[in-house]
Each structure stands twice: as structure tokens, then as C-alpha cells.
Amino acid sequence: GATGCCEPTSQTCVCDSSHFGTNCEFAIDTSFATNFAHSLPTSQSLGGSSSGQSYFSVNNSVETNGVLSFKLTNQSCPNACGGKKFVSGSWATSDSYAFGNFTYVVKSSATSGAAMELWATGGTSFSGFQITLQGGNTKAIALQYWVDGKQIQYLSSPLSFDSSADYHTYEVVYRPSNLTVIVDGVTIFITSRSPSIPLSMRVDYNGDTQYYGSYTSSTPSYVYVKSVQWVIDNITPAHCSAVVSTTSSPSTTSSTTTSYITTASFTT
């Protein structure tokens, strides 16, 4: 947090080697409706990218009444789907975030052959984590994470509920030594290692029969995102904290600690 560490115009770190070029860890306006309408750099519905067997189109990401939905279909594919078997939706932050709590409030789908994927990734050699909610098994959750392009662990666990029936809260507590996955307040996984670099957040709905089973749906299927949030870690000292953004929203958690929150709530 040395003076001048945060460049005030770009709000990116310019002196901390482990966080160089990432955001300054201050809350900014991430109202989905604002960003989607005006293409602000904080978050975006992705178009032209792909994952697995899915091509992502901005036309398949729609915000309605404060909820973001992704539509998955194989109609007109592969010709109209970037050569892929499916076309669907994906959303991501353009900023990266360091140690803290990554929270996703979502409702998945029961469609076999597809899965809702909750990501946070970063680094030139690919590090990060992915929570998977498979359509063919809506009472289970999986976590995998990578460090420098190498998968470190793949973990799976049953859930006490059907993830496609209602909204649930999936939280990843990101620390230098490990990841803790908490679902609706219940700890599910604690990993043995951590990616330990700033990560950008992403949510997508991915059709992939190689990993997620046979796809038999004759109609489009949908998943829903109510909110995505990152809260700075109050244990690890903040990086690049010299300049406070005018759009910060600090909430004091004690007399000496301040929590900075970035939320995409998808409200109109």
C-alpha cells in the first residue's frame, strides 16, 4: 500500500509485483444492467468465445427483472454455433480479484449433457477454480482447481437439495494456502493448495456430452444467475490500497478493518 501504488485513472496496481495490472481491490459500480447496456469494462456477457462443446453468444445471455439467464440449445448447430455442438451464454468480470470471498447465487438446470460452471481464473498459464453443477446429477457438486496449468485436485460431493429447483448460494473462500467451498452456509470442500494469484470471475452454461452425459433435450434449457460478489479478505493485508476510488462502498467490520465489496446484482 505504498503511496502511488494504485494508478488513479486505470485503478490498477503499478508497483506490487504479485498484483501488477490487476484492480486496486476497491468496490466499483457493477450493476449488471448498467454494464450490459453501456459495455463498461467491469463485467460483460461474452460473445465469440467457447468452452467444451459450446459457443457463447451475447444473444443467449438475457437480463430480466434482475436475473441473468443463459439459454442453451443445439438448434441450427454447428453452422450457426461457431462450429460447436451447442450455443449458450457466459458472463465474466474484466477485473481480477485477490484473496477474499467469491460468492455466486444461482439456479442450475436438470438438462443432461450440460452443466452450469462457476469459475474464477487468471494467469498466463491458467490458474483458478471451477465449481460444476451437472444437469444429469442435480444433487451433486464438483470442484476442480489448477495452478500454473496443472489440475491439482478434483473433488465431488452430494448435495442435500436439487440445485435446479431453486436458488442457492455457492461461496469460495480464497486464501493463500487453500480454498474453502461453502454451500448455503455449509462447508463442502477444503483444498490442500491455492492458485494464489488474482482471479477474474465467470459463470457459464456449457453443453459438453464428453463430460456431462447424453443430451436429449428437444427444447432450449436455461440456468439463472441472481448475483455474483467478491469481498476482500480482511486477514491478508490489502495490496495497492493507496488510492480510494470515489465509487468505493466500504463497510466497516471492526474498528481497524474495512471490507470492500464488489457485487454484480443484475438489477435494472
Protein backbone atom coordinates (compact mmCIF):
# COMPACT_ATOMS: atom_id res chain seq x y z
CA GLY A 1 0.00 0.00 0.00
CA ALA A 2 2.81 2.45 -0.74
CA THR A 3 1.84 5.91 -1.98
CA GLY A 4 1.25 5.81 -5.72
CA CYS A 5 0.78 2.04 -5.80
CA CYS A 6 -2.68 2.40 -7.32
CA GLU A 7 -2.79 4.32 -10.59
CA PRO A 8 -5.89 6.56 -10.14
CA THR A 9 -7.07 6.69 -13.76
CA SER A 10 -6.99 2.99 -14.60
CA GLN A 11 -7.42 1.91 -10.94
CA THR A 12 -4.80 -0.81 -11.45
CA CYS A 13 -1.76 -1.80 -9.40
CA VAL A 14 1.51 -0.36 -10.70
CA CYS A 15 4.03 -1.38 -8.06
CA ASP A 16 3.09 -4.68 -6.39
CA SER A 17 4.68 -7.43 -8.48
CA SER A 18 2.22 -10.11 -7.34
CA HIS A 19 -0.78 -7.95 -8.26
CA PHE A 20 0.63 -5.79 -11.07
CA GLY A 21 -2.04 -4.77 -13.56
CA THR A 22 -4.99 -6.01 -11.52
CA ASN A 23 -7.65 -3.79 -9.99
CA CYS A 24 -6.94 -1.92 -6.78
CA GLU A 25 -9.36 -4.03 -4.73
CA PHE A 26 -11.98 -1.34 -4.28
CA ALA A 27 -15.69 -1.67 -4.92
CA ILE A 28 -16.93 -0.21 -8.19
CA ASP A 29 -20.30 0.03 -9.89
CA THR A 30 -21.02 -3.49 -11.09
CA SER A 31 -24.76 -3.16 -11.59
CA PHE A 32 -25.34 -5.68 -14.36
CA ALA A 33 -27.96 -3.63 -16.15
CA THR A 34 -25.65 -0.60 -16.32
CA ASN A 35 -22.65 -2.58 -17.51
CA PHE A 36 -24.61 -4.61 -20.02
CA ALA A 37 -26.28 -1.58 -21.54
CA HIS A 38 -23.16 0.56 -21.78
CA SER A 39 -20.43 -2.10 -22.12
CA LEU A 40 -18.46 -0.84 -19.14
CA PRO A 41 -15.25 -2.80 -18.56
CA THR A 42 -16.20 -4.22 -15.19
CA SER A 43 -18.36 -7.08 -16.48
CA GLN A 44 -19.70 -8.35 -19.75
CA SER A 45 -21.75 -11.05 -21.41
CA LEU A 46 -19.25 -12.91 -23.53
CA GLY A 47 -19.68 -13.43 -27.25
CA GLY A 48 -17.46 -15.30 -29.67
CA SER A 49 -15.70 -17.38 -27.00
CA SER A 50 -16.19 -21.08 -26.36
CA SER A 51 -15.72 -23.81 -23.77
CA GLY A 52 -16.01 -27.54 -24.27
CA GLN A 53 -18.59 -28.10 -26.98
CA SER A 54 -20.36 -24.75 -26.52
CA TYR A 55 -20.11 -21.47 -28.38
CA PHE A 56 -21.13 -18.42 -26.34
CA SER A 57 -23.30 -15.72 -27.85
CA VAL A 58 -24.41 -12.44 -26.25
CA ASN A 59 -27.87 -13.21 -27.63
CA ASN A 60 -28.08 -16.16 -25.25
CA SER A 61 -27.47 -14.02 -22.13
CA VAL A 62 -30.57 -12.09 -21.14
CA GLU A 63 -31.27 -9.97 -18.04
CA THR A 64 -34.91 -9.91 -16.92
CA ASN A 65 -36.20 -8.42 -13.66
CA GLY A 66 -32.79 -8.50 -12.02
CA VAL A 67 -31.89 -12.07 -13.04
CA LEU A 68 -29.42 -13.08 -15.74
CA SER A 69 -30.39 -16.18 -17.72
CA PHE A 70 -28.32 -18.30 -20.12
CA LYS A 71 -30.08 -20.25 -22.85
CA LEU A 72 -28.51 -23.48 -24.14
CA THR A 73 -29.63 -25.06 -27.40
CA ASN A 74 -28.27 -27.18 -30.23
CA GLN A 75 -30.71 -25.80 -32.78
CA SER A 76 -29.00 -24.69 -36.02
CA CYS A 77 -25.69 -26.07 -34.74
CA PRO A 78 -22.91 -26.40 -35.70
CA ASN A 79 -23.33 -23.97 -38.63
CA ALA A 80 -24.75 -21.12 -36.52
CA CYS A 81 -22.77 -22.05 -33.39
CA GLY A 82 -19.18 -21.27 -34.25
CA GLY A 83 -18.65 -24.87 -35.33
CA LYS A 84 -19.66 -26.17 -31.89
CA LYS A 85 -22.45 -28.58 -30.93
CA PHE A 86 -24.20 -26.03 -28.69
CA VAL A 87 -24.75 -22.29 -28.37
CA SER A 88 -25.20 -20.80 -24.92
CA GLY A 89 -24.39 -17.83 -22.65
CA SER A 90 -21.48 -16.77 -20.48
CA TRP A 91 -20.67 -13.75 -18.27
CA ALA A 92 -17.38 -12.60 -16.78
CA THR A 93 -15.69 -9.77 -14.94
CA SER A 94 -12.93 -7.94 -16.75
CA ASP A 95 -11.27 -7.13 -13.43
CA SER A 96 -9.32 -9.63 -11.34
CA TYR A 97 -9.65 -10.06 -7.59
CA ALA A 98 -7.21 -11.27 -4.96
CA PHE A 99 -7.81 -13.16 -1.72
CA GLY A 100 -11.37 -12.87 -0.47
CA ASN A 101 -14.79 -14.48 -0.74
CA PHE A 102 -16.19 -15.28 -4.20
CA THR A 103 -19.95 -15.82 -4.00
CA TYR A 104 -22.42 -16.96 -6.68
CA VAL A 105 -26.21 -17.10 -6.17
CA VAL A 106 -27.56 -19.28 -8.98
CA LYS A 107 -30.14 -21.85 -10.08
CA SER A 108 -28.89 -24.65 -12.32
CA SER A 109 -30.65 -26.86 -14.86
CA ALA A 110 -31.64 -30.54 -14.87
CA THR A 111 -30.73 -30.96 -18.55
CA SER A 112 -28.37 -33.89 -19.10
CA GLY A 113 -25.35 -33.23 -21.32
CA ALA A 114 -24.82 -29.75 -19.89
CA ALA A 115 -23.58 -28.09 -16.70
CA MET A 116 -23.54 -24.72 -15.01
CA GLU A 117 -19.94 -23.69 -14.32
CA LEU A 118 -18.87 -21.14 -11.70
CA TRP A 119 -15.31 -20.03 -12.42
CA ALA A 120 -12.52 -17.80 -11.22
CA THR A 121 -9.37 -17.88 -13.35
CA GLY A 122 -6.21 -15.93 -14.02
CA GLY A 123 -2.56 -16.00 -15.00
CA THR A 124 -0.89 -16.56 -18.35
CA SER A 125 -0.53 -20.31 -17.72
CA PHE A 126 -4.08 -20.74 -16.33
CA SER A 127 -4.73 -20.95 -12.61
CA GLY A 128 -8.05 -20.88 -10.80
CA PHE A 129 -11.05 -22.95 -9.75
CA GLN A 130 -14.33 -24.22 -11.20
CA ILE A 131 -17.49 -25.34 -9.43
CA THR A 132 -19.62 -27.62 -11.61
CA LEU A 133 -23.36 -28.25 -11.26
CA GLN A 134 -24.21 -31.04 -13.70
CA GLY A 135 -27.64 -31.23 -15.25
CA GLY A 136 -27.60 -35.01 -15.18
CA ASN A 137 -26.95 -35.08 -11.44
CA THR A 138 -28.53 -32.06 -9.77
CA LYS A 139 -27.91 -33.37 -6.24
CA ALA A 140 -24.13 -33.25 -6.54
CA ILE A 141 -21.38 -30.63 -6.76
CA ALA A 142 -17.84 -30.86 -8.09
CA LEU A 143 -14.78 -28.66 -7.60
CA GLN A 144 -11.56 -28.66 -9.58
CA TYR A 145 -8.70 -26.21 -9.45
CA TRP A 146 -5.48 -25.53 -11.29
CA VAL A 147 -2.10 -24.00 -10.52
CA ASP A 148 0.05 -22.93 -13.49
CA GLY A 149 -1.95 -25.05 -15.92
CA LYS A 150 -1.86 -28.23 -13.82
CA GLN A 151 -5.00 -29.65 -12.24
CA ILE A 152 -4.26 -30.13 -8.54
CA GLN A 153 -7.47 -31.71 -7.28
CA TYR A 154 -10.88 -32.86 -8.45
CA LEU A 155 -13.40 -33.18 -5.63
CA SER A 156 -17.08 -34.16 -5.66
CA SER A 157 -19.79 -34.34 -3.03
CA PRO A 158 -23.53 -34.99 -2.79
CA LEU A 159 -25.89 -32.11 -2.06
CA SER A 160 -28.91 -32.23 0.23
CA PHE A 161 -31.04 -30.44 -2.38
CA ASP A 162 -31.78 -30.30 -6.09
CA SER A 163 -29.66 -27.42 -7.45
CA SER A 164 -32.08 -26.91 -10.36
CA ALA A 165 -35.16 -26.45 -8.17
CA ASP A 166 -34.27 -23.11 -6.56
CA TYR A 167 -31.52 -20.54 -5.99
CA HIS A 168 -28.62 -21.49 -3.73
CA THR A 169 -25.50 -19.69 -2.56
CA TYR A 170 -22.11 -21.08 -3.55
CA GLU A 171 -19.18 -19.38 -1.83
CA VAL A 172 -15.45 -19.92 -2.29
CA VAL A 173 -13.25 -18.55 0.49
CA TYR A 174 -9.98 -17.86 -1.34
CA ARG A 175 -6.87 -17.77 0.86
CA PRO A 176 -3.12 -18.04 0.11
CA SER A 177 -2.99 -21.62 1.42
CA ASN A 178 -6.30 -23.14 0.31
CA LEU A 179 -9.87 -22.83 -0.97
CA THR A 180 -12.95 -23.48 1.15
CA VAL A 181 -16.23 -24.14 -0.66
CA ILE A 182 -19.38 -23.31 1.32
CA VAL A 183 -22.89 -24.02 0.02
CA ASP A 184 -25.81 -22.34 1.79
CA GLY A 185 -23.60 -21.87 4.85
CA VAL A 186 -22.36 -25.49 4.97
CA THR A 187 -18.67 -26.25 4.28
CA ILE A 188 -18.36 -28.84 1.48
CA PHE A 189 -14.68 -28.80 0.46
CA ILE A 190 -11.36 -27.58 1.85
CA THR A 191 -8.49 -27.92 -0.63
CA SER A 192 -4.82 -28.66 0.02
CA ARG A 193 -3.47 -25.78 -2.10
CA SER A 194 -4.46 -22.44 -3.64
CA PRO A 195 -3.89 -20.75 -7.03
CA SER A 196 -2.56 -17.73 -5.07
CA ILE A 197 -2.96 -15.14 -7.84
CA PRO A 198 -5.69 -12.57 -8.65
CA LEU A 199 -8.64 -14.18 -10.45
CA SER A 200 -11.47 -12.90 -12.64
CA MET A 201 -14.97 -14.30 -12.07
CA ARG A 202 -17.03 -16.09 -14.69
CA VAL A 203 -20.30 -18.01 -14.97
CA ASP A 204 -21.39 -20.04 -17.98
CA TYR A 205 -23.77 -22.76 -19.08
CA ASN A 206 -21.77 -25.32 -21.00
CA GLY A 207 -23.07 -28.15 -23.16
CA ASP A 208 -20.47 -30.92 -23.34
CA THR A 209 -21.52 -34.53 -23.95
CA GLN A 210 -17.93 -35.69 -23.47
CA TYR A 211 -18.10 -34.91 -19.74
CA TYR A 212 -21.74 -34.26 -18.84
CA GLY A 213 -23.65 -37.18 -20.38
CA SER A 214 -26.05 -37.56 -23.31
CA TYR A 215 -28.02 -34.52 -24.45
CA THR A 216 -31.62 -35.48 -25.23
CA SER A 217 -33.45 -32.17 -24.84
CA SER A 218 -35.64 -31.17 -27.77
CA THR A 219 -36.14 -27.63 -26.44
CA PRO A 220 -33.75 -24.95 -25.13
CA SER A 221 -32.82 -25.12 -21.45
CA TYR A 222 -31.90 -22.33 -19.05
CA VAL A 223 -29.86 -21.54 -15.95
CA TYR A 224 -30.20 -18.40 -13.84
CA VAL A 225 -27.80 -16.05 -12.04
CA LYS A 226 -29.15 -13.76 -9.32
CA SER A 227 -25.84 -12.27 -8.16
CA VAL A 228 -22.06 -12.60 -8.18
CA GLN A 229 -19.98 -11.00 -5.44
CA TRP A 230 -16.39 -10.61 -4.28
CA VAL A 231 -15.48 -9.37 -0.80
CA ILE A 232 -11.87 -8.54 0.06
CA ASP A 233 -10.06 -10.80 2.51
CA ASN A 234 -9.68 -9.00 5.83
CA ILE A 235 -6.96 -11.39 7.01
CA THR A 236 -4.39 -10.89 4.27
CA PRO A 237 -3.07 -7.28 4.02
CA ALA A 238 -4.61 -5.47 1.06
CA HIS A 239 -2.42 -4.68 -1.93
CA CYS A 240 -2.33 -1.39 -3.84
CA SER A 241 -4.54 0.42 -1.36
CA ALA A 242 -3.05 3.91 -1.59
CA VAL A 243 -5.86 5.50 -3.62
CA VAL A 244 -9.51 5.11 -2.64
CA SER A 245 -11.90 5.06 -5.59
CA THR A 246 -14.73 7.60 -5.40
CA THR A 247 -17.16 4.77 -6.12
CA SER A 248 -15.96 2.58 -3.25
CA SER A 249 -18.51 1.23 -0.83
CA PRO A 250 -16.64 0.40 2.37
CA SER A 251 -18.44 -1.32 5.19
CA THR A 252 -16.58 -1.26 8.49
CA THR A 253 -16.37 -4.72 10.04
CA SER A 254 -14.36 -3.61 13.08
CA SER A 255 -12.62 -0.52 14.37
CA THR A 256 -9.49 -1.37 12.39
CA THR A 257 -10.66 -3.41 9.38
CA THR A 258 -12.55 -2.31 6.28
CA SER A 259 -14.26 -4.68 3.86
CA TYR A 260 -14.56 -3.66 0.22
CA ILE A 261 -17.31 -5.32 -1.77
CA THR A 262 -17.85 -5.73 -5.49
CA THR A 263 -21.25 -7.06 -6.49
CA ALA A 264 -22.96 -7.80 -9.79
CA SER A 265 -26.60 -7.99 -8.76
CA PHE A 266 -28.18 -7.98 -12.25
CA THR A 267 -30.78 -5.39 -11.28
CA THR A 268 -32.43 -2.99 -13.72
